[in-house]
Amino acid sequence: SDCVQVGSYTTHAGQNLPLVETWDGRAWSAQDVPHQAGWQFPGLEAVSCASATRCMAVGTFTKGAGIGREVMVSEQRNGTTWTAQTAFPDPAGGNGGWLDGVWCVTATDCTAVGTYFTSTGRHPVAEHWDGHGWAPQAVPNPDNSADSYLTGITCASADSCLAVGFYTAGPITAEGKPLSEQWNGHAWTLLSTPLPTAATNGGTLDAVSCSSAADCTAVGAYWNKKAEASDDLAERWNGSDWTIQPAPSPSTISPVADQLSGVWCVSASRCTAVGS
């Protein structure tokens, strides 16, 4: 009887605004979400609640006229009121970015992940909330990639988090590879993330969920260049290694384009993944 969902909407006048709705067990209702004048194309991508009265939503908006500059943003709920937070310190050399995932262990311990921009490309970013402000954390960039993204995060505890996404080892148009990173309470470490043998054109992980620090499931998609198709991808983390799980695609006309974009695990043997 207490759920929160986030996103964005467009008014009849063509104005883009952030969206938050809450579920009370009977119906959804929209909540007032603050936004500053001049925000262009704001959107909230993810939300995490440490309690019924402490939630953090993250996303992005464009600042300035024309193409503008994408800026990381969060909205925090204390009880029933949402407050916008835009003071995100970019990592060294950064110039804006966006946030796609967030996880709050407590109201004063949240981590948001996404991408930040530099003159050399796009790189993975993790920002930590300590109850007073956001601060960037050092995140390894695989193969010195110029195109890397973190799209999902889950934490079993304050010193055990997993974040997933994808990167390209060459130009932005190069083959994508799944990306996963682990937080041990002190630093982020790059993990080896396998692909199925049928993945002849790369793959991605979009979301991750952990029932414990040693039992996590991540989902996404991989691409088969020969078949010109994408298939669902699921991988399981046992605390030290990732292994591929069978993830059957719907029975439909071939070629197909399948991708899993969200997952939740209640226990080691009870997970549900969704996508399109």
C-alpha atoms as a PDB file:
ATOM      1  CA  SER A   1       0.000   0.000   0.000  1.00  0.00           C
ATOM      2  CA  ASP A   2       2.974   2.338  -0.289  1.00  0.00           C
ATOM      3  CA  CYS A   3       4.748   2.563  -3.667  1.00  0.00           C
ATOM      4  CA  VAL A   4       6.428   5.365  -5.620  1.00  0.00           C
ATOM      5  CA  GLN A   5       7.019   5.573  -9.379  1.00  0.00           C
ATOM      6  CA  VAL A   6       8.863   8.281 -11.304  1.00  0.00           C
ATOM      7  CA  GLY A   7       9.260   9.502 -14.881  1.00  0.00           C
ATOM      8  CA  SER A   8       8.291  12.557 -16.896  1.00  0.00           C
ATOM      9  CA  TYR A   9       5.338  13.995 -18.796  1.00  0.00           C
ATOM     10  CA  THR A  10       4.557  16.646 -21.401  1.00  0.00           C
ATOM     11  CA  THR A  11       1.780  19.208 -20.982  1.00  0.00           C
ATOM     12  CA  HIS A  12      -0.640  20.191 -23.748  1.00  0.00           C
ATOM     13  CA  ALA A  13       1.421  23.371 -24.059  1.00  0.00           C
ATOM     14  CA  GLY A  14       4.482  21.286 -24.892  1.00  0.00           C
ATOM     15  CA  GLN A  15       6.265  21.780 -21.556  1.00  0.00           C
ATOM     16  CA  ASN A  16       8.266  18.820 -20.219  1.00  0.00           C
ATOM     17  CA  LEU A  17       8.076  18.210 -16.470  1.00  0.00           C
ATOM     18  CA  PRO A  18       9.266  15.600 -13.945  1.00  0.00           C
ATOM     19  CA  LEU A  19       6.627  13.145 -12.719  1.00  0.00           C
ATOM     20  CA  VAL A  20       6.166  11.371  -9.386  1.00  0.00           C
ATOM     21  CA  GLU A  21       3.138   9.244  -8.488  1.00  0.00           C
ATOM     22  CA  THR A  22       2.335   7.342  -5.299  1.00  0.00           C
ATOM     23  CA  TRP A  23       0.202   4.235  -4.683  1.00  0.00           C
ATOM     24  CA  ASP A  24      -1.869   4.003  -1.473  1.00  0.00           C
ATOM     25  CA  GLY A  25      -3.207   0.488  -1.975  1.00  0.00           C
ATOM     26  CA  ARG A  26      -6.209   1.642  -3.987  1.00  0.00           C
ATOM     27  CA  ALA A  27      -5.095   4.144  -6.621  1.00  0.00           C
ATOM     28  CA  TRP A  28      -2.191   6.143  -8.037  1.00  0.00           C
ATOM     29  CA  SER A  29      -2.002   9.905  -7.443  1.00  0.00           C
ATOM     30  CA  ALA A  30       0.402  12.501  -8.857  1.00  0.00           C
ATOM     31  CA  GLN A  31       2.520  14.511  -6.438  1.00  0.00           C
ATOM     32  CA  ASP A  32       3.880  18.026  -6.733  1.00  0.00           C
ATOM     33  CA  VAL A  33       7.512  17.897  -7.858  1.00  0.00           C
ATOM     34  CA  PRO A  34       9.560  21.106  -7.762  1.00  0.00           C
ATOM     35  CA  HIS A  35      11.498  22.223 -10.813  1.00  0.00           C
ATOM     36  CA  GLN A  36      13.470  25.338 -11.557  1.00  0.00           C
ATOM     37  CA  ALA A  37      12.638  27.821 -14.279  1.00  0.00           C
ATOM     38  CA  GLY A  38      14.645  27.120 -17.401  1.00  0.00           C
ATOM     39  CA  TRP A  39      14.751  23.344 -16.986  1.00  0.00           C
ATOM     40  CA  GLN A  40      14.563  21.729 -20.414  1.00  0.00           C
ATOM     41  CA  PHE A  41      13.463  18.100 -20.884  1.00  0.00           C
ATOM     42  CA  PRO A  42      13.596  17.045 -17.216  1.00  0.00           C
ATOM     43  CA  GLY A  43      13.102  13.375 -16.486  1.00  0.00           C
ATOM     44  CA  LEU A  44      13.368  11.110 -13.455  1.00  0.00           C
ATOM     45  CA  GLU A  45      14.761   7.666 -14.271  1.00  0.00           C
ATOM     46  CA  ALA A  46      14.876   5.798 -10.942  1.00  0.00           C
ATOM     47  CA  VAL A  47      13.747   5.963  -7.320  1.00  0.00           C
ATOM     48  CA  SER A  48      14.765   4.270  -4.063  1.00  0.00           C
ATOM     49  CA  CYS A  49      13.079   4.566  -0.668  1.00  0.00           C
ATOM     50  CA  ALA A  50      14.900   3.840   2.584  1.00  0.00           C
ATOM     51  CA  SER A  51      11.560   4.163   4.418  1.00  0.00           C
ATOM     52  CA  ALA A  52       7.990   5.272   3.782  1.00  0.00           C
ATOM     53  CA  THR A  53       9.014   8.898   4.331  1.00  0.00           C
ATOM     54  CA  ARG A  54      12.515   8.924   2.857  1.00  0.00           C
ATOM     55  CA  CYS A  55      12.806   8.538  -0.922  1.00  0.00           C
ATOM     56  CA  MET A  56      15.387   9.643  -3.492  1.00  0.00           C
ATOM     57  CA  ALA A  57      14.647   9.976  -7.215  1.00  0.00           C
ATOM     58  CA  VAL A  58      17.332  10.734  -9.815  1.00  0.00           C
ATOM     59  CA  GLY A  59      17.502  11.760 -13.459  1.00  0.00           C
ATOM     60  CA  THR A  60      18.553  14.677 -15.617  1.00  0.00           C
ATOM     61  CA  PHE A  61      17.519  17.942 -17.189  1.00  0.00           C
ATOM     62  CA  THR A  62      18.960  20.178 -19.878  1.00  0.00           C
ATOM     63  CA  LYS A  63      20.229  23.576 -18.774  1.00  0.00           C
ATOM     64  CA  GLY A  64      20.392  26.476 -21.191  1.00  0.00           C
ATOM     65  CA  ALA A  65      18.845  27.303 -24.535  1.00  0.00           C
ATOM     66  CA  GLY A  66      19.148  25.209 -27.682  1.00  0.00           C
ATOM     67  CA  ILE A  67      21.087  21.984 -27.250  1.00  0.00           C
ATOM     68  CA  GLY A  68      22.102  23.085 -23.749  1.00  0.00           C
ATOM     69  CA  ARG A  69      23.988  21.044 -21.172  1.00  0.00           C
ATOM     70  CA  GLU A  70      22.639  17.920 -19.499  1.00  0.00           C
ATOM     71  CA  VAL A  71      22.783  18.158 -15.718  1.00  0.00           C
ATOM     72  CA  MET A  72      22.351  15.461 -13.075  1.00  0.00           C
ATOM     73  CA  VAL A  73      19.406  16.022 -10.733  1.00  0.00           C
ATOM     74  CA  SER A  74      17.745  14.355  -7.760  1.00  0.00           C
ATOM     75  CA  GLU A  75      14.475  14.873  -5.923  1.00  0.00           C
ATOM     76  CA  GLN A  76      14.267  13.957  -2.235  1.00  0.00           C
ATOM     77  CA  ARG A  77      11.082  13.232  -0.304  1.00  0.00           C
ATOM     78  CA  ASN A  78      10.957  13.995   3.413  1.00  0.00           C
ATOM     79  CA  GLY A  79       7.507  12.843   4.422  1.00  0.00           C
ATOM     80  CA  THR A  80       5.163  14.246   1.778  1.00  0.00           C
ATOM     81  CA  THR A  81       7.279  17.057   0.276  1.00  0.00           C
ATOM     82  CA  TRP A  82       9.760  16.698  -2.584  1.00  0.00           C
ATOM     83  CA  THR A  83      12.871  18.918  -2.798  1.00  0.00           C
ATOM     84  CA  ALA A  84      14.991  19.324  -5.940  1.00  0.00           C
ATOM     85  CA  GLN A  85      18.762  18.892  -5.623  1.00  0.00           C
ATOM     86  CA  THR A  86      20.979  19.987  -8.499  1.00  0.00           C
ATOM     87  CA  ALA A  87      24.326  20.550  -6.767  1.00  0.00           C
ATOM     88  CA  PHE A  88      26.049  17.497  -8.231  1.00  0.00           C
ATOM     89  CA  PRO A  89      29.841  17.896  -8.295  1.00  0.00           C
ATOM     90  CA  ASP A  90      31.160  16.441 -11.552  1.00  0.00           C
ATOM     91  CA  PRO A  91      34.205  14.152 -11.401  1.00  0.00           C
ATOM     92  CA  ALA A  92      37.460  15.804 -12.431  1.00  0.00           C
ATOM     93  CA  GLY A  93      37.228  16.976 -16.032  1.00  0.00           C
ATOM     94  CA  GLY A  94      33.479  16.421 -16.127  1.00  0.00           C
ATOM     95  CA  ASN A  95      30.960  18.646 -17.858  1.00  0.00           C
ATOM     96  CA  GLY A  96      27.488  17.404 -16.961  1.00  0.00           C
ATOM     97  CA  GLY A  97      25.824  14.030 -17.270  1.00  0.00           C
ATOM     98  CA  TRP A  98      22.764  12.031 -16.287  1.00  0.00           C
ATOM     99  CA  LEU A  99      21.719   9.509 -13.633  1.00  0.00           C
ATOM    100  CA  ASP A 100      19.877   6.258 -14.431  1.00  0.00           C
ATOM    101  CA  GLY A 101      19.876   4.302 -11.164  1.00  0.00           C
ATOM    102  CA  VAL A 102      19.842   4.877  -7.394  1.00  0.00           C
ATOM    103  CA  TRP A 103      19.854   2.789  -4.231  1.00  0.00           C
ATOM    104  CA  CYS A 104      19.410   4.005  -0.643  1.00  0.00           C
ATOM    105  CA  VAL A 105      20.616   1.766   2.176  1.00  0.00           C
ATOM    106  CA  THR A 106      19.451   4.419   4.654  1.00  0.00           C
ATOM    107  CA  ALA A 107      18.177   7.984   4.366  1.00  0.00           C
ATOM    108  CA  THR A 108      21.773   9.202   4.704  1.00  0.00           C
ATOM    109  CA  ASP A 109      23.446   6.566   2.511  1.00  0.00           C
ATOM    110  CA  CYS A 110      22.375   6.605  -1.150  1.00  0.00           C
ATOM    111  CA  THR A 111      24.362   5.899  -4.304  1.00  0.00           C
ATOM    112  CA  ALA A 112      23.291   7.032  -7.763  1.00  0.00           C
ATOM    113  CA  VAL A 113      24.896   5.835 -10.997  1.00  0.00           C
ATOM    114  CA  GLY A 114      24.892   7.017 -14.585  1.00  0.00           C
ATOM    115  CA  THR A 115      27.182   8.763 -17.047  1.00  0.00           C
ATOM    116  CA  TYR A 116      29.222  11.942 -17.069  1.00  0.00           C
ATOM    117  CA  PHE A 117      30.709  13.807 -20.011  1.00  0.00           C
ATOM    118  CA  THR A 118      34.268  14.933 -20.706  1.00  0.00           C
ATOM    119  CA  SER A 119      36.041  16.240 -23.787  1.00  0.00           C
ATOM    120  CA  THR A 120      37.024  12.637 -24.576  1.00  0.00           C
ATOM    121  CA  GLY A 121      33.602  10.975 -24.288  1.00  0.00           C
ATOM    122  CA  ARG A 122      31.120   9.516 -21.810  1.00  0.00           C
ATOM    123  CA  HIS A 123      32.229   7.680 -18.693  1.00  0.00           C
ATOM    124  CA  PRO A 124      30.599   5.793 -15.783  1.00  0.00           C
ATOM    125  CA  VAL A 125      29.775   7.860 -12.716  1.00  0.00           C
ATOM    126  CA  ALA A 126      28.714   7.077  -9.157  1.00  0.00           C
ATOM    127  CA  GLU A 127      27.571   9.789  -6.754  1.00  0.00           C
ATOM    128  CA  HIS A 128      27.112   9.270  -3.002  1.00  0.00           C
ATOM    129  CA  TRP A 129      24.582  11.035  -0.749  1.00  0.00           C
ATOM    130  CA  ASP A 130      25.531  11.316   2.954  1.00  0.00           C
ATOM    131  CA  GLY A 131      22.427  13.135   4.136  1.00  0.00           C
ATOM    132  CA  HIS A 132      23.862  16.581   3.411  1.00  0.00           C
ATOM    133  CA  GLY A 133      25.225  16.555  -0.131  1.00  0.00           C
ATOM    134  CA  TRP A 134      26.358  14.536  -3.137  1.00  0.00           C
ATOM    135  CA  ALA A 135      29.997  13.623  -3.838  1.00  0.00           C
ATOM    136  CA  PRO A 136      31.452  11.699  -6.817  1.00  0.00           C
ATOM    137  CA  GLN A 137      33.178   8.352  -6.285  1.00  0.00           C
ATOM    138  CA  ALA A 138      36.027   7.047  -8.429  1.00  0.00           C
ATOM    139  CA  VAL A 139      34.689   4.441 -10.877  1.00  0.00           C
ATOM    140  CA  PRO A 140      37.013   2.396 -13.145  1.00  0.00           C
ATOM    141  CA  ASN A 141      36.457   2.993 -16.845  1.00  0.00           C
ATOM    142  CA  PRO A 142      36.847  -0.320 -18.762  1.00  0.00           C
ATOM    143  CA  ASP A 143      39.452  -0.364 -21.543  1.00  0.00           C
ATOM    144  CA  ASN A 144      39.660   3.456 -21.282  1.00  0.00           C
ATOM    145  CA  SER A 145      36.346   3.470 -23.107  1.00  0.00           C
ATOM    146  CA  ALA A 146      35.047   6.716 -24.588  1.00  0.00           C
ATOM    147  CA  ASP A 147      31.459   5.481 -24.270  1.00  0.00           C
ATOM    148  CA  SER A 148      30.529   3.893 -20.913  1.00  0.00           C
ATOM    149  CA  TYR A 149      27.278   3.874 -18.936  1.00  0.00           C
ATOM    150  CA  LEU A 150      26.003   2.583 -15.598  1.00  0.00           C
ATOM    151  CA  THR A 151      22.243   2.035 -15.749  1.00  0.00           C
ATOM    152  CA  GLY A 152      21.327   0.098 -12.601  1.00  0.00           C
ATOM    153  CA  ILE A 153      22.497  -0.418  -9.020  1.00  0.00           C
ATOM    154  CA  THR A 154      21.537  -2.468  -5.979  1.00  0.00           C
ATOM    155  CA  CYS A 155      23.101  -2.648  -2.522  1.00  0.00           C
ATOM    156  CA  ALA A 156      22.825  -5.549  -0.089  1.00  0.00           C
ATOM    157  CA  SER A 157      24.434  -3.341   2.574  1.00  0.00           C
ATOM    158  CA  ALA A 158      26.446  -0.139   2.935  1.00  0.00           C
ATOM    159  CA  ASP A 159      29.623  -1.993   1.957  1.00  0.00           C
ATOM    160  CA  SER A 160      28.237  -4.248  -0.773  1.00  0.00           C
ATOM    161  CA  CYS A 161      26.814  -2.778  -3.992  1.00  0.00           C
ATOM    162  CA  LEU A 162      26.680  -3.917  -7.611  1.00  0.00           C
ATOM    163  CA  ALA A 163      26.198  -1.579 -10.571  1.00  0.00           C
ATOM    164  CA  VAL A 164      25.660  -2.672 -14.178  1.00  0.00           C
ATOM    165  CA  GLY A 165      25.602  -1.101 -17.628  1.00  0.00           C
ATOM    166  CA  PHE A 166      27.560  -1.303 -20.870  1.00  0.00           C
ATOM    167  CA  TYR A 167      30.518   0.194 -22.716  1.00  0.00           C
ATOM    168  CA  THR A 168      32.208   0.204 -26.096  1.00  0.00           C
ATOM    169  CA  ALA A 169      35.880  -0.647 -26.454  1.00  0.00           C
ATOM    170  CA  GLY A 170      36.313   1.623 -29.481  1.00  0.00           C
ATOM    171  CA  PRO A 171      34.344   4.438 -31.119  1.00  0.00           C
ATOM    172  CA  ILE A 172      30.757   5.059 -30.015  1.00  0.00           C
ATOM    173  CA  THR A 173      29.575   2.972 -32.976  1.00  0.00           C
ATOM    174  CA  ALA A 174      31.711  -0.013 -31.885  1.00  0.00           C
ATOM    175  CA  GLU A 175      30.348  -3.235 -30.418  1.00  0.00           C
ATOM    176  CA  GLY A 176      28.929  -2.808 -26.925  1.00  0.00           C
ATOM    177  CA  LYS A 177      29.912  -4.990 -23.987  1.00  0.00           C
ATOM    178  CA  PRO A 178      28.195  -5.572 -20.634  1.00  0.00           C
ATOM    179  CA  LEU A 179      29.686  -3.707 -17.690  1.00  0.00           C
ATOM    180  CA  SER A 180      29.546  -4.492 -13.972  1.00  0.00           C
ATOM    181  CA  GLU A 181      31.267  -2.862 -11.000  1.00  0.00           C
ATOM    182  CA  GLN A 182      31.374  -3.789  -7.297  1.00  0.00           C
ATOM    183  CA  TRP A 183      31.511  -1.487  -4.261  1.00  0.00           C
ATOM    184  CA  ASN A 184      33.122  -2.893  -1.091  1.00  0.00           C
ATOM    185  CA  GLY A 185      32.576   0.112   1.170  1.00  0.00           C
ATOM    186  CA  HIS A 186      35.814   1.793   0.106  1.00  0.00           C
ATOM    187  CA  ALA A 187      36.228   1.551  -3.666  1.00  0.00           C
ATOM    188  CA  TRP A 188      34.619   0.433  -6.918  1.00  0.00           C
ATOM    189  CA  THR A 189      36.171  -2.550  -8.729  1.00  0.00           C
ATOM    190  CA  LEU A 190      35.645  -3.581 -12.330  1.00  0.00           C
ATOM    191  CA  LEU A 191      34.268  -7.139 -12.682  1.00  0.00           C
ATOM    192  CA  SER A 192      34.648  -9.621 -15.510  1.00  0.00           C
ATOM    193  CA  THR A 193      31.231  -9.903 -17.187  1.00  0.00           C
ATOM    194  CA  PRO A 194      30.696 -12.765 -19.661  1.00  0.00           C
ATOM    195  CA  LEU A 195      28.514 -12.934 -22.754  1.00  0.00           C
ATOM    196  CA  PRO A 196      26.802 -15.994 -24.284  1.00  0.00           C
ATOM    197  CA  THR A 197      28.670 -17.642 -27.152  1.00  0.00           C
ATOM    198  CA  ALA A 198      25.789 -16.618 -29.438  1.00  0.00           C
ATOM    199  CA  ALA A 199      26.486 -12.947 -28.677  1.00  0.00           C
ATOM    200  CA  THR A 200      28.370 -12.131 -31.848  1.00  0.00           C
ATOM    201  CA  ASN A 201      27.650  -8.401 -31.688  1.00  0.00           C
ATOM    202  CA  GLY A 202      27.953  -7.485 -28.018  1.00  0.00           C
ATOM    203  CA  GLY A 203      25.432  -6.951 -25.246  1.00  0.00           C
ATOM    204  CA  THR A 204      24.321  -4.869 -22.281  1.00  0.00           C
ATOM    205  CA  LEU A 205      23.087  -5.190 -18.711  1.00  0.00           C
ATOM    206  CA  ASP A 206      20.328  -2.768 -17.725  1.00  0.00           C
ATOM    207  CA  ALA A 207      19.267  -3.715 -14.185  1.00  0.00           C
ATOM    208  CA  VAL A 208      20.382  -5.758 -11.191  1.00  0.00           C
ATOM    209  CA  SER A 209      18.798  -7.061  -7.987  1.00  0.00           C
ATOM    210  CA  CYS A 210      20.339  -8.869  -5.012  1.00  0.00           C
ATOM    211  CA  SER A 211      18.639 -11.074  -2.441  1.00  0.00           C
ATOM    212  CA  SER A 212      21.991 -11.137  -0.613  1.00  0.00           C
ATOM    213  CA  ALA A 213      25.562  -9.978  -1.239  1.00  0.00           C
ATOM    214  CA  ALA A 214      26.351 -13.394  -2.727  1.00  0.00           C
ATOM    215  CA  ASP A 215      23.210 -13.848  -4.819  1.00  0.00           C
ATOM    216  CA  CYS A 216      22.338 -11.287  -7.478  1.00  0.00           C
ATOM    217  CA  THR A 217      20.672 -11.360 -10.882  1.00  0.00           C
ATOM    218  CA  ALA A 218      21.332  -8.863 -13.688  1.00  0.00           C
ATOM    219  CA  VAL A 219      19.348  -8.612 -16.923  1.00  0.00           C
ATOM    220  CA  GLY A 220      19.678  -6.980 -20.324  1.00  0.00           C
ATOM    221  CA  ALA A 221      20.182  -8.164 -23.900  1.00  0.00           C
ATOM    222  CA  TYR A 222      22.777  -9.482 -26.310  1.00  0.00           C
ATOM    223  CA  TRP A 223      22.967  -9.187 -30.082  1.00  0.00           C
ATOM    224  CA  ASN A 224      23.493 -11.799 -32.753  1.00  0.00           C
ATOM    225  CA  LYS A 225      24.956 -10.133 -35.828  1.00  0.00           C
ATOM    226  CA  LYS A 226      24.235 -13.067 -38.115  1.00  0.00           C
ATOM    227  CA  ALA A 227      20.552 -13.258 -37.179  1.00  0.00           C
ATOM    228  CA  GLU A 228      20.231  -9.463 -36.898  1.00  0.00           C
ATOM    229  CA  ALA A 229      18.376 -10.020 -33.634  1.00  0.00           C
ATOM    230  CA  SER A 230      18.671  -9.351 -29.921  1.00  0.00           C
ATOM    231  CA  ASP A 231      17.890 -11.859 -27.183  1.00  0.00           C
ATOM    232  CA  ASP A 232      17.202 -11.600 -23.470  1.00  0.00           C
ATOM    233  CA  LEU A 233      20.268 -11.808 -21.232  1.00  0.00           C
ATOM    234  CA  ALA A 234      20.318 -12.875 -17.582  1.00  0.00           C
ATOM    235  CA  GLU A 235      23.390 -13.384 -15.401  1.00  0.00           C
ATOM    236  CA  ARG A 236      23.783 -14.547 -11.804  1.00  0.00           C
ATOM    237  CA  TRP A 237      26.396 -13.288  -9.324  1.00  0.00           C
ATOM    238  CA  ASN A 238      27.504 -15.699  -6.570  1.00  0.00           C
ATOM    239  CA  GLY A 239      29.724 -13.260  -4.713  1.00  0.00           C
ATOM    240  CA  SER A 240      32.801 -13.852  -6.858  1.00  0.00           C
ATOM    241  CA  ASP A 241      31.749 -14.619 -10.465  1.00  0.00           C
ATOM    242  CA  TRP A 242      29.023 -13.999 -13.018  1.00  0.00           C
ATOM    243  CA  THR A 243      27.453 -16.941 -14.868  1.00  0.00           C
ATOM    244  CA  ILE A 244      25.014 -16.903 -17.777  1.00  0.00           C
ATOM    245  CA  GLN A 245      21.442 -18.015 -17.003  1.00  0.00           C
ATOM    246  CA  PRO A 246      18.999 -19.332 -19.612  1.00  0.00           C
ATOM    247  CA  ALA A 247      16.576 -16.516 -20.495  1.00  0.00           C
ATOM    248  CA  PRO A 248      14.089 -17.726 -23.115  1.00  0.00           C
ATOM    249  CA  SER A 249      12.704 -15.178 -25.544  1.00  0.00           C
ATOM    250  CA  PRO A 250       8.972 -15.153 -26.358  1.00  0.00           C
ATOM    251  CA  SER A 251       7.932 -17.482 -29.144  1.00  0.00           C
ATOM    252  CA  THR A 252       7.390 -15.142 -32.044  1.00  0.00           C
ATOM    253  CA  ILE A 253       8.361 -14.416 -35.633  1.00  0.00           C
ATOM    254  CA  SER A 254      12.113 -14.357 -36.255  1.00  0.00           C
ATOM    255  CA  PRO A 255      14.148 -12.201 -36.306  1.00  0.00           C
ATOM    256  CA  VAL A 256      13.168 -10.660 -32.976  1.00  0.00           C
ATOM    257  CA  ALA A 257      14.335  -7.838 -30.761  1.00  0.00           C
ATOM    258  CA  ASP A 258      14.077  -8.737 -27.069  1.00  0.00           C
ATOM    259  CA  GLN A 259      15.485  -6.874 -24.086  1.00  0.00           C
ATOM    260  CA  LEU A 260      14.982  -7.154 -20.314  1.00  0.00           C
ATOM    261  CA  SER A 261      15.152  -3.784 -18.575  1.00  0.00           C
ATOM    262  CA  GLY A 262      14.128  -4.453 -14.963  1.00  0.00           C
ATOM    263  CA  VAL A 263      14.484  -7.208 -12.362  1.00  0.00           C
ATOM    264  CA  TRP A 264      13.615  -7.845  -8.717  1.00  0.00           C
ATOM    265  CA  CYS A 265      14.621 -10.811  -6.569  1.00  0.00           C
ATOM    266  CA  VAL A 266      12.683 -11.594  -3.411  1.00  0.00           C
ATOM    267  CA  SER A 267      14.966 -14.563  -2.700  1.00  0.00           C
ATOM    268  CA  ALA A 268      17.663 -16.600  -4.450  1.00  0.00           C
ATOM    269  CA  SER A 269      14.987 -18.678  -6.168  1.00  0.00           C
ATOM    270  CA  ARG A 270      12.339 -16.001  -6.761  1.00  0.00           C
ATOM    271  CA  CYS A 271      13.138 -13.322  -9.357  1.00  0.00           C
ATOM    272  CA  THR A 272      10.958 -11.558 -11.905  1.00  0.00           C
ATOM    273  CA  ALA A 273      12.337  -9.657 -14.911  1.00  0.00           C
ATOM    274  CA  VAL A 274      10.440  -7.422 -17.329  1.00  0.00           C
ATOM    275  CA  GLY A 275      11.187  -5.764 -20.644  1.00  0.00           C
ATOM    276  CA  SER A 276       9.965  -5.668 -24.230  1.00  0.00           C
END
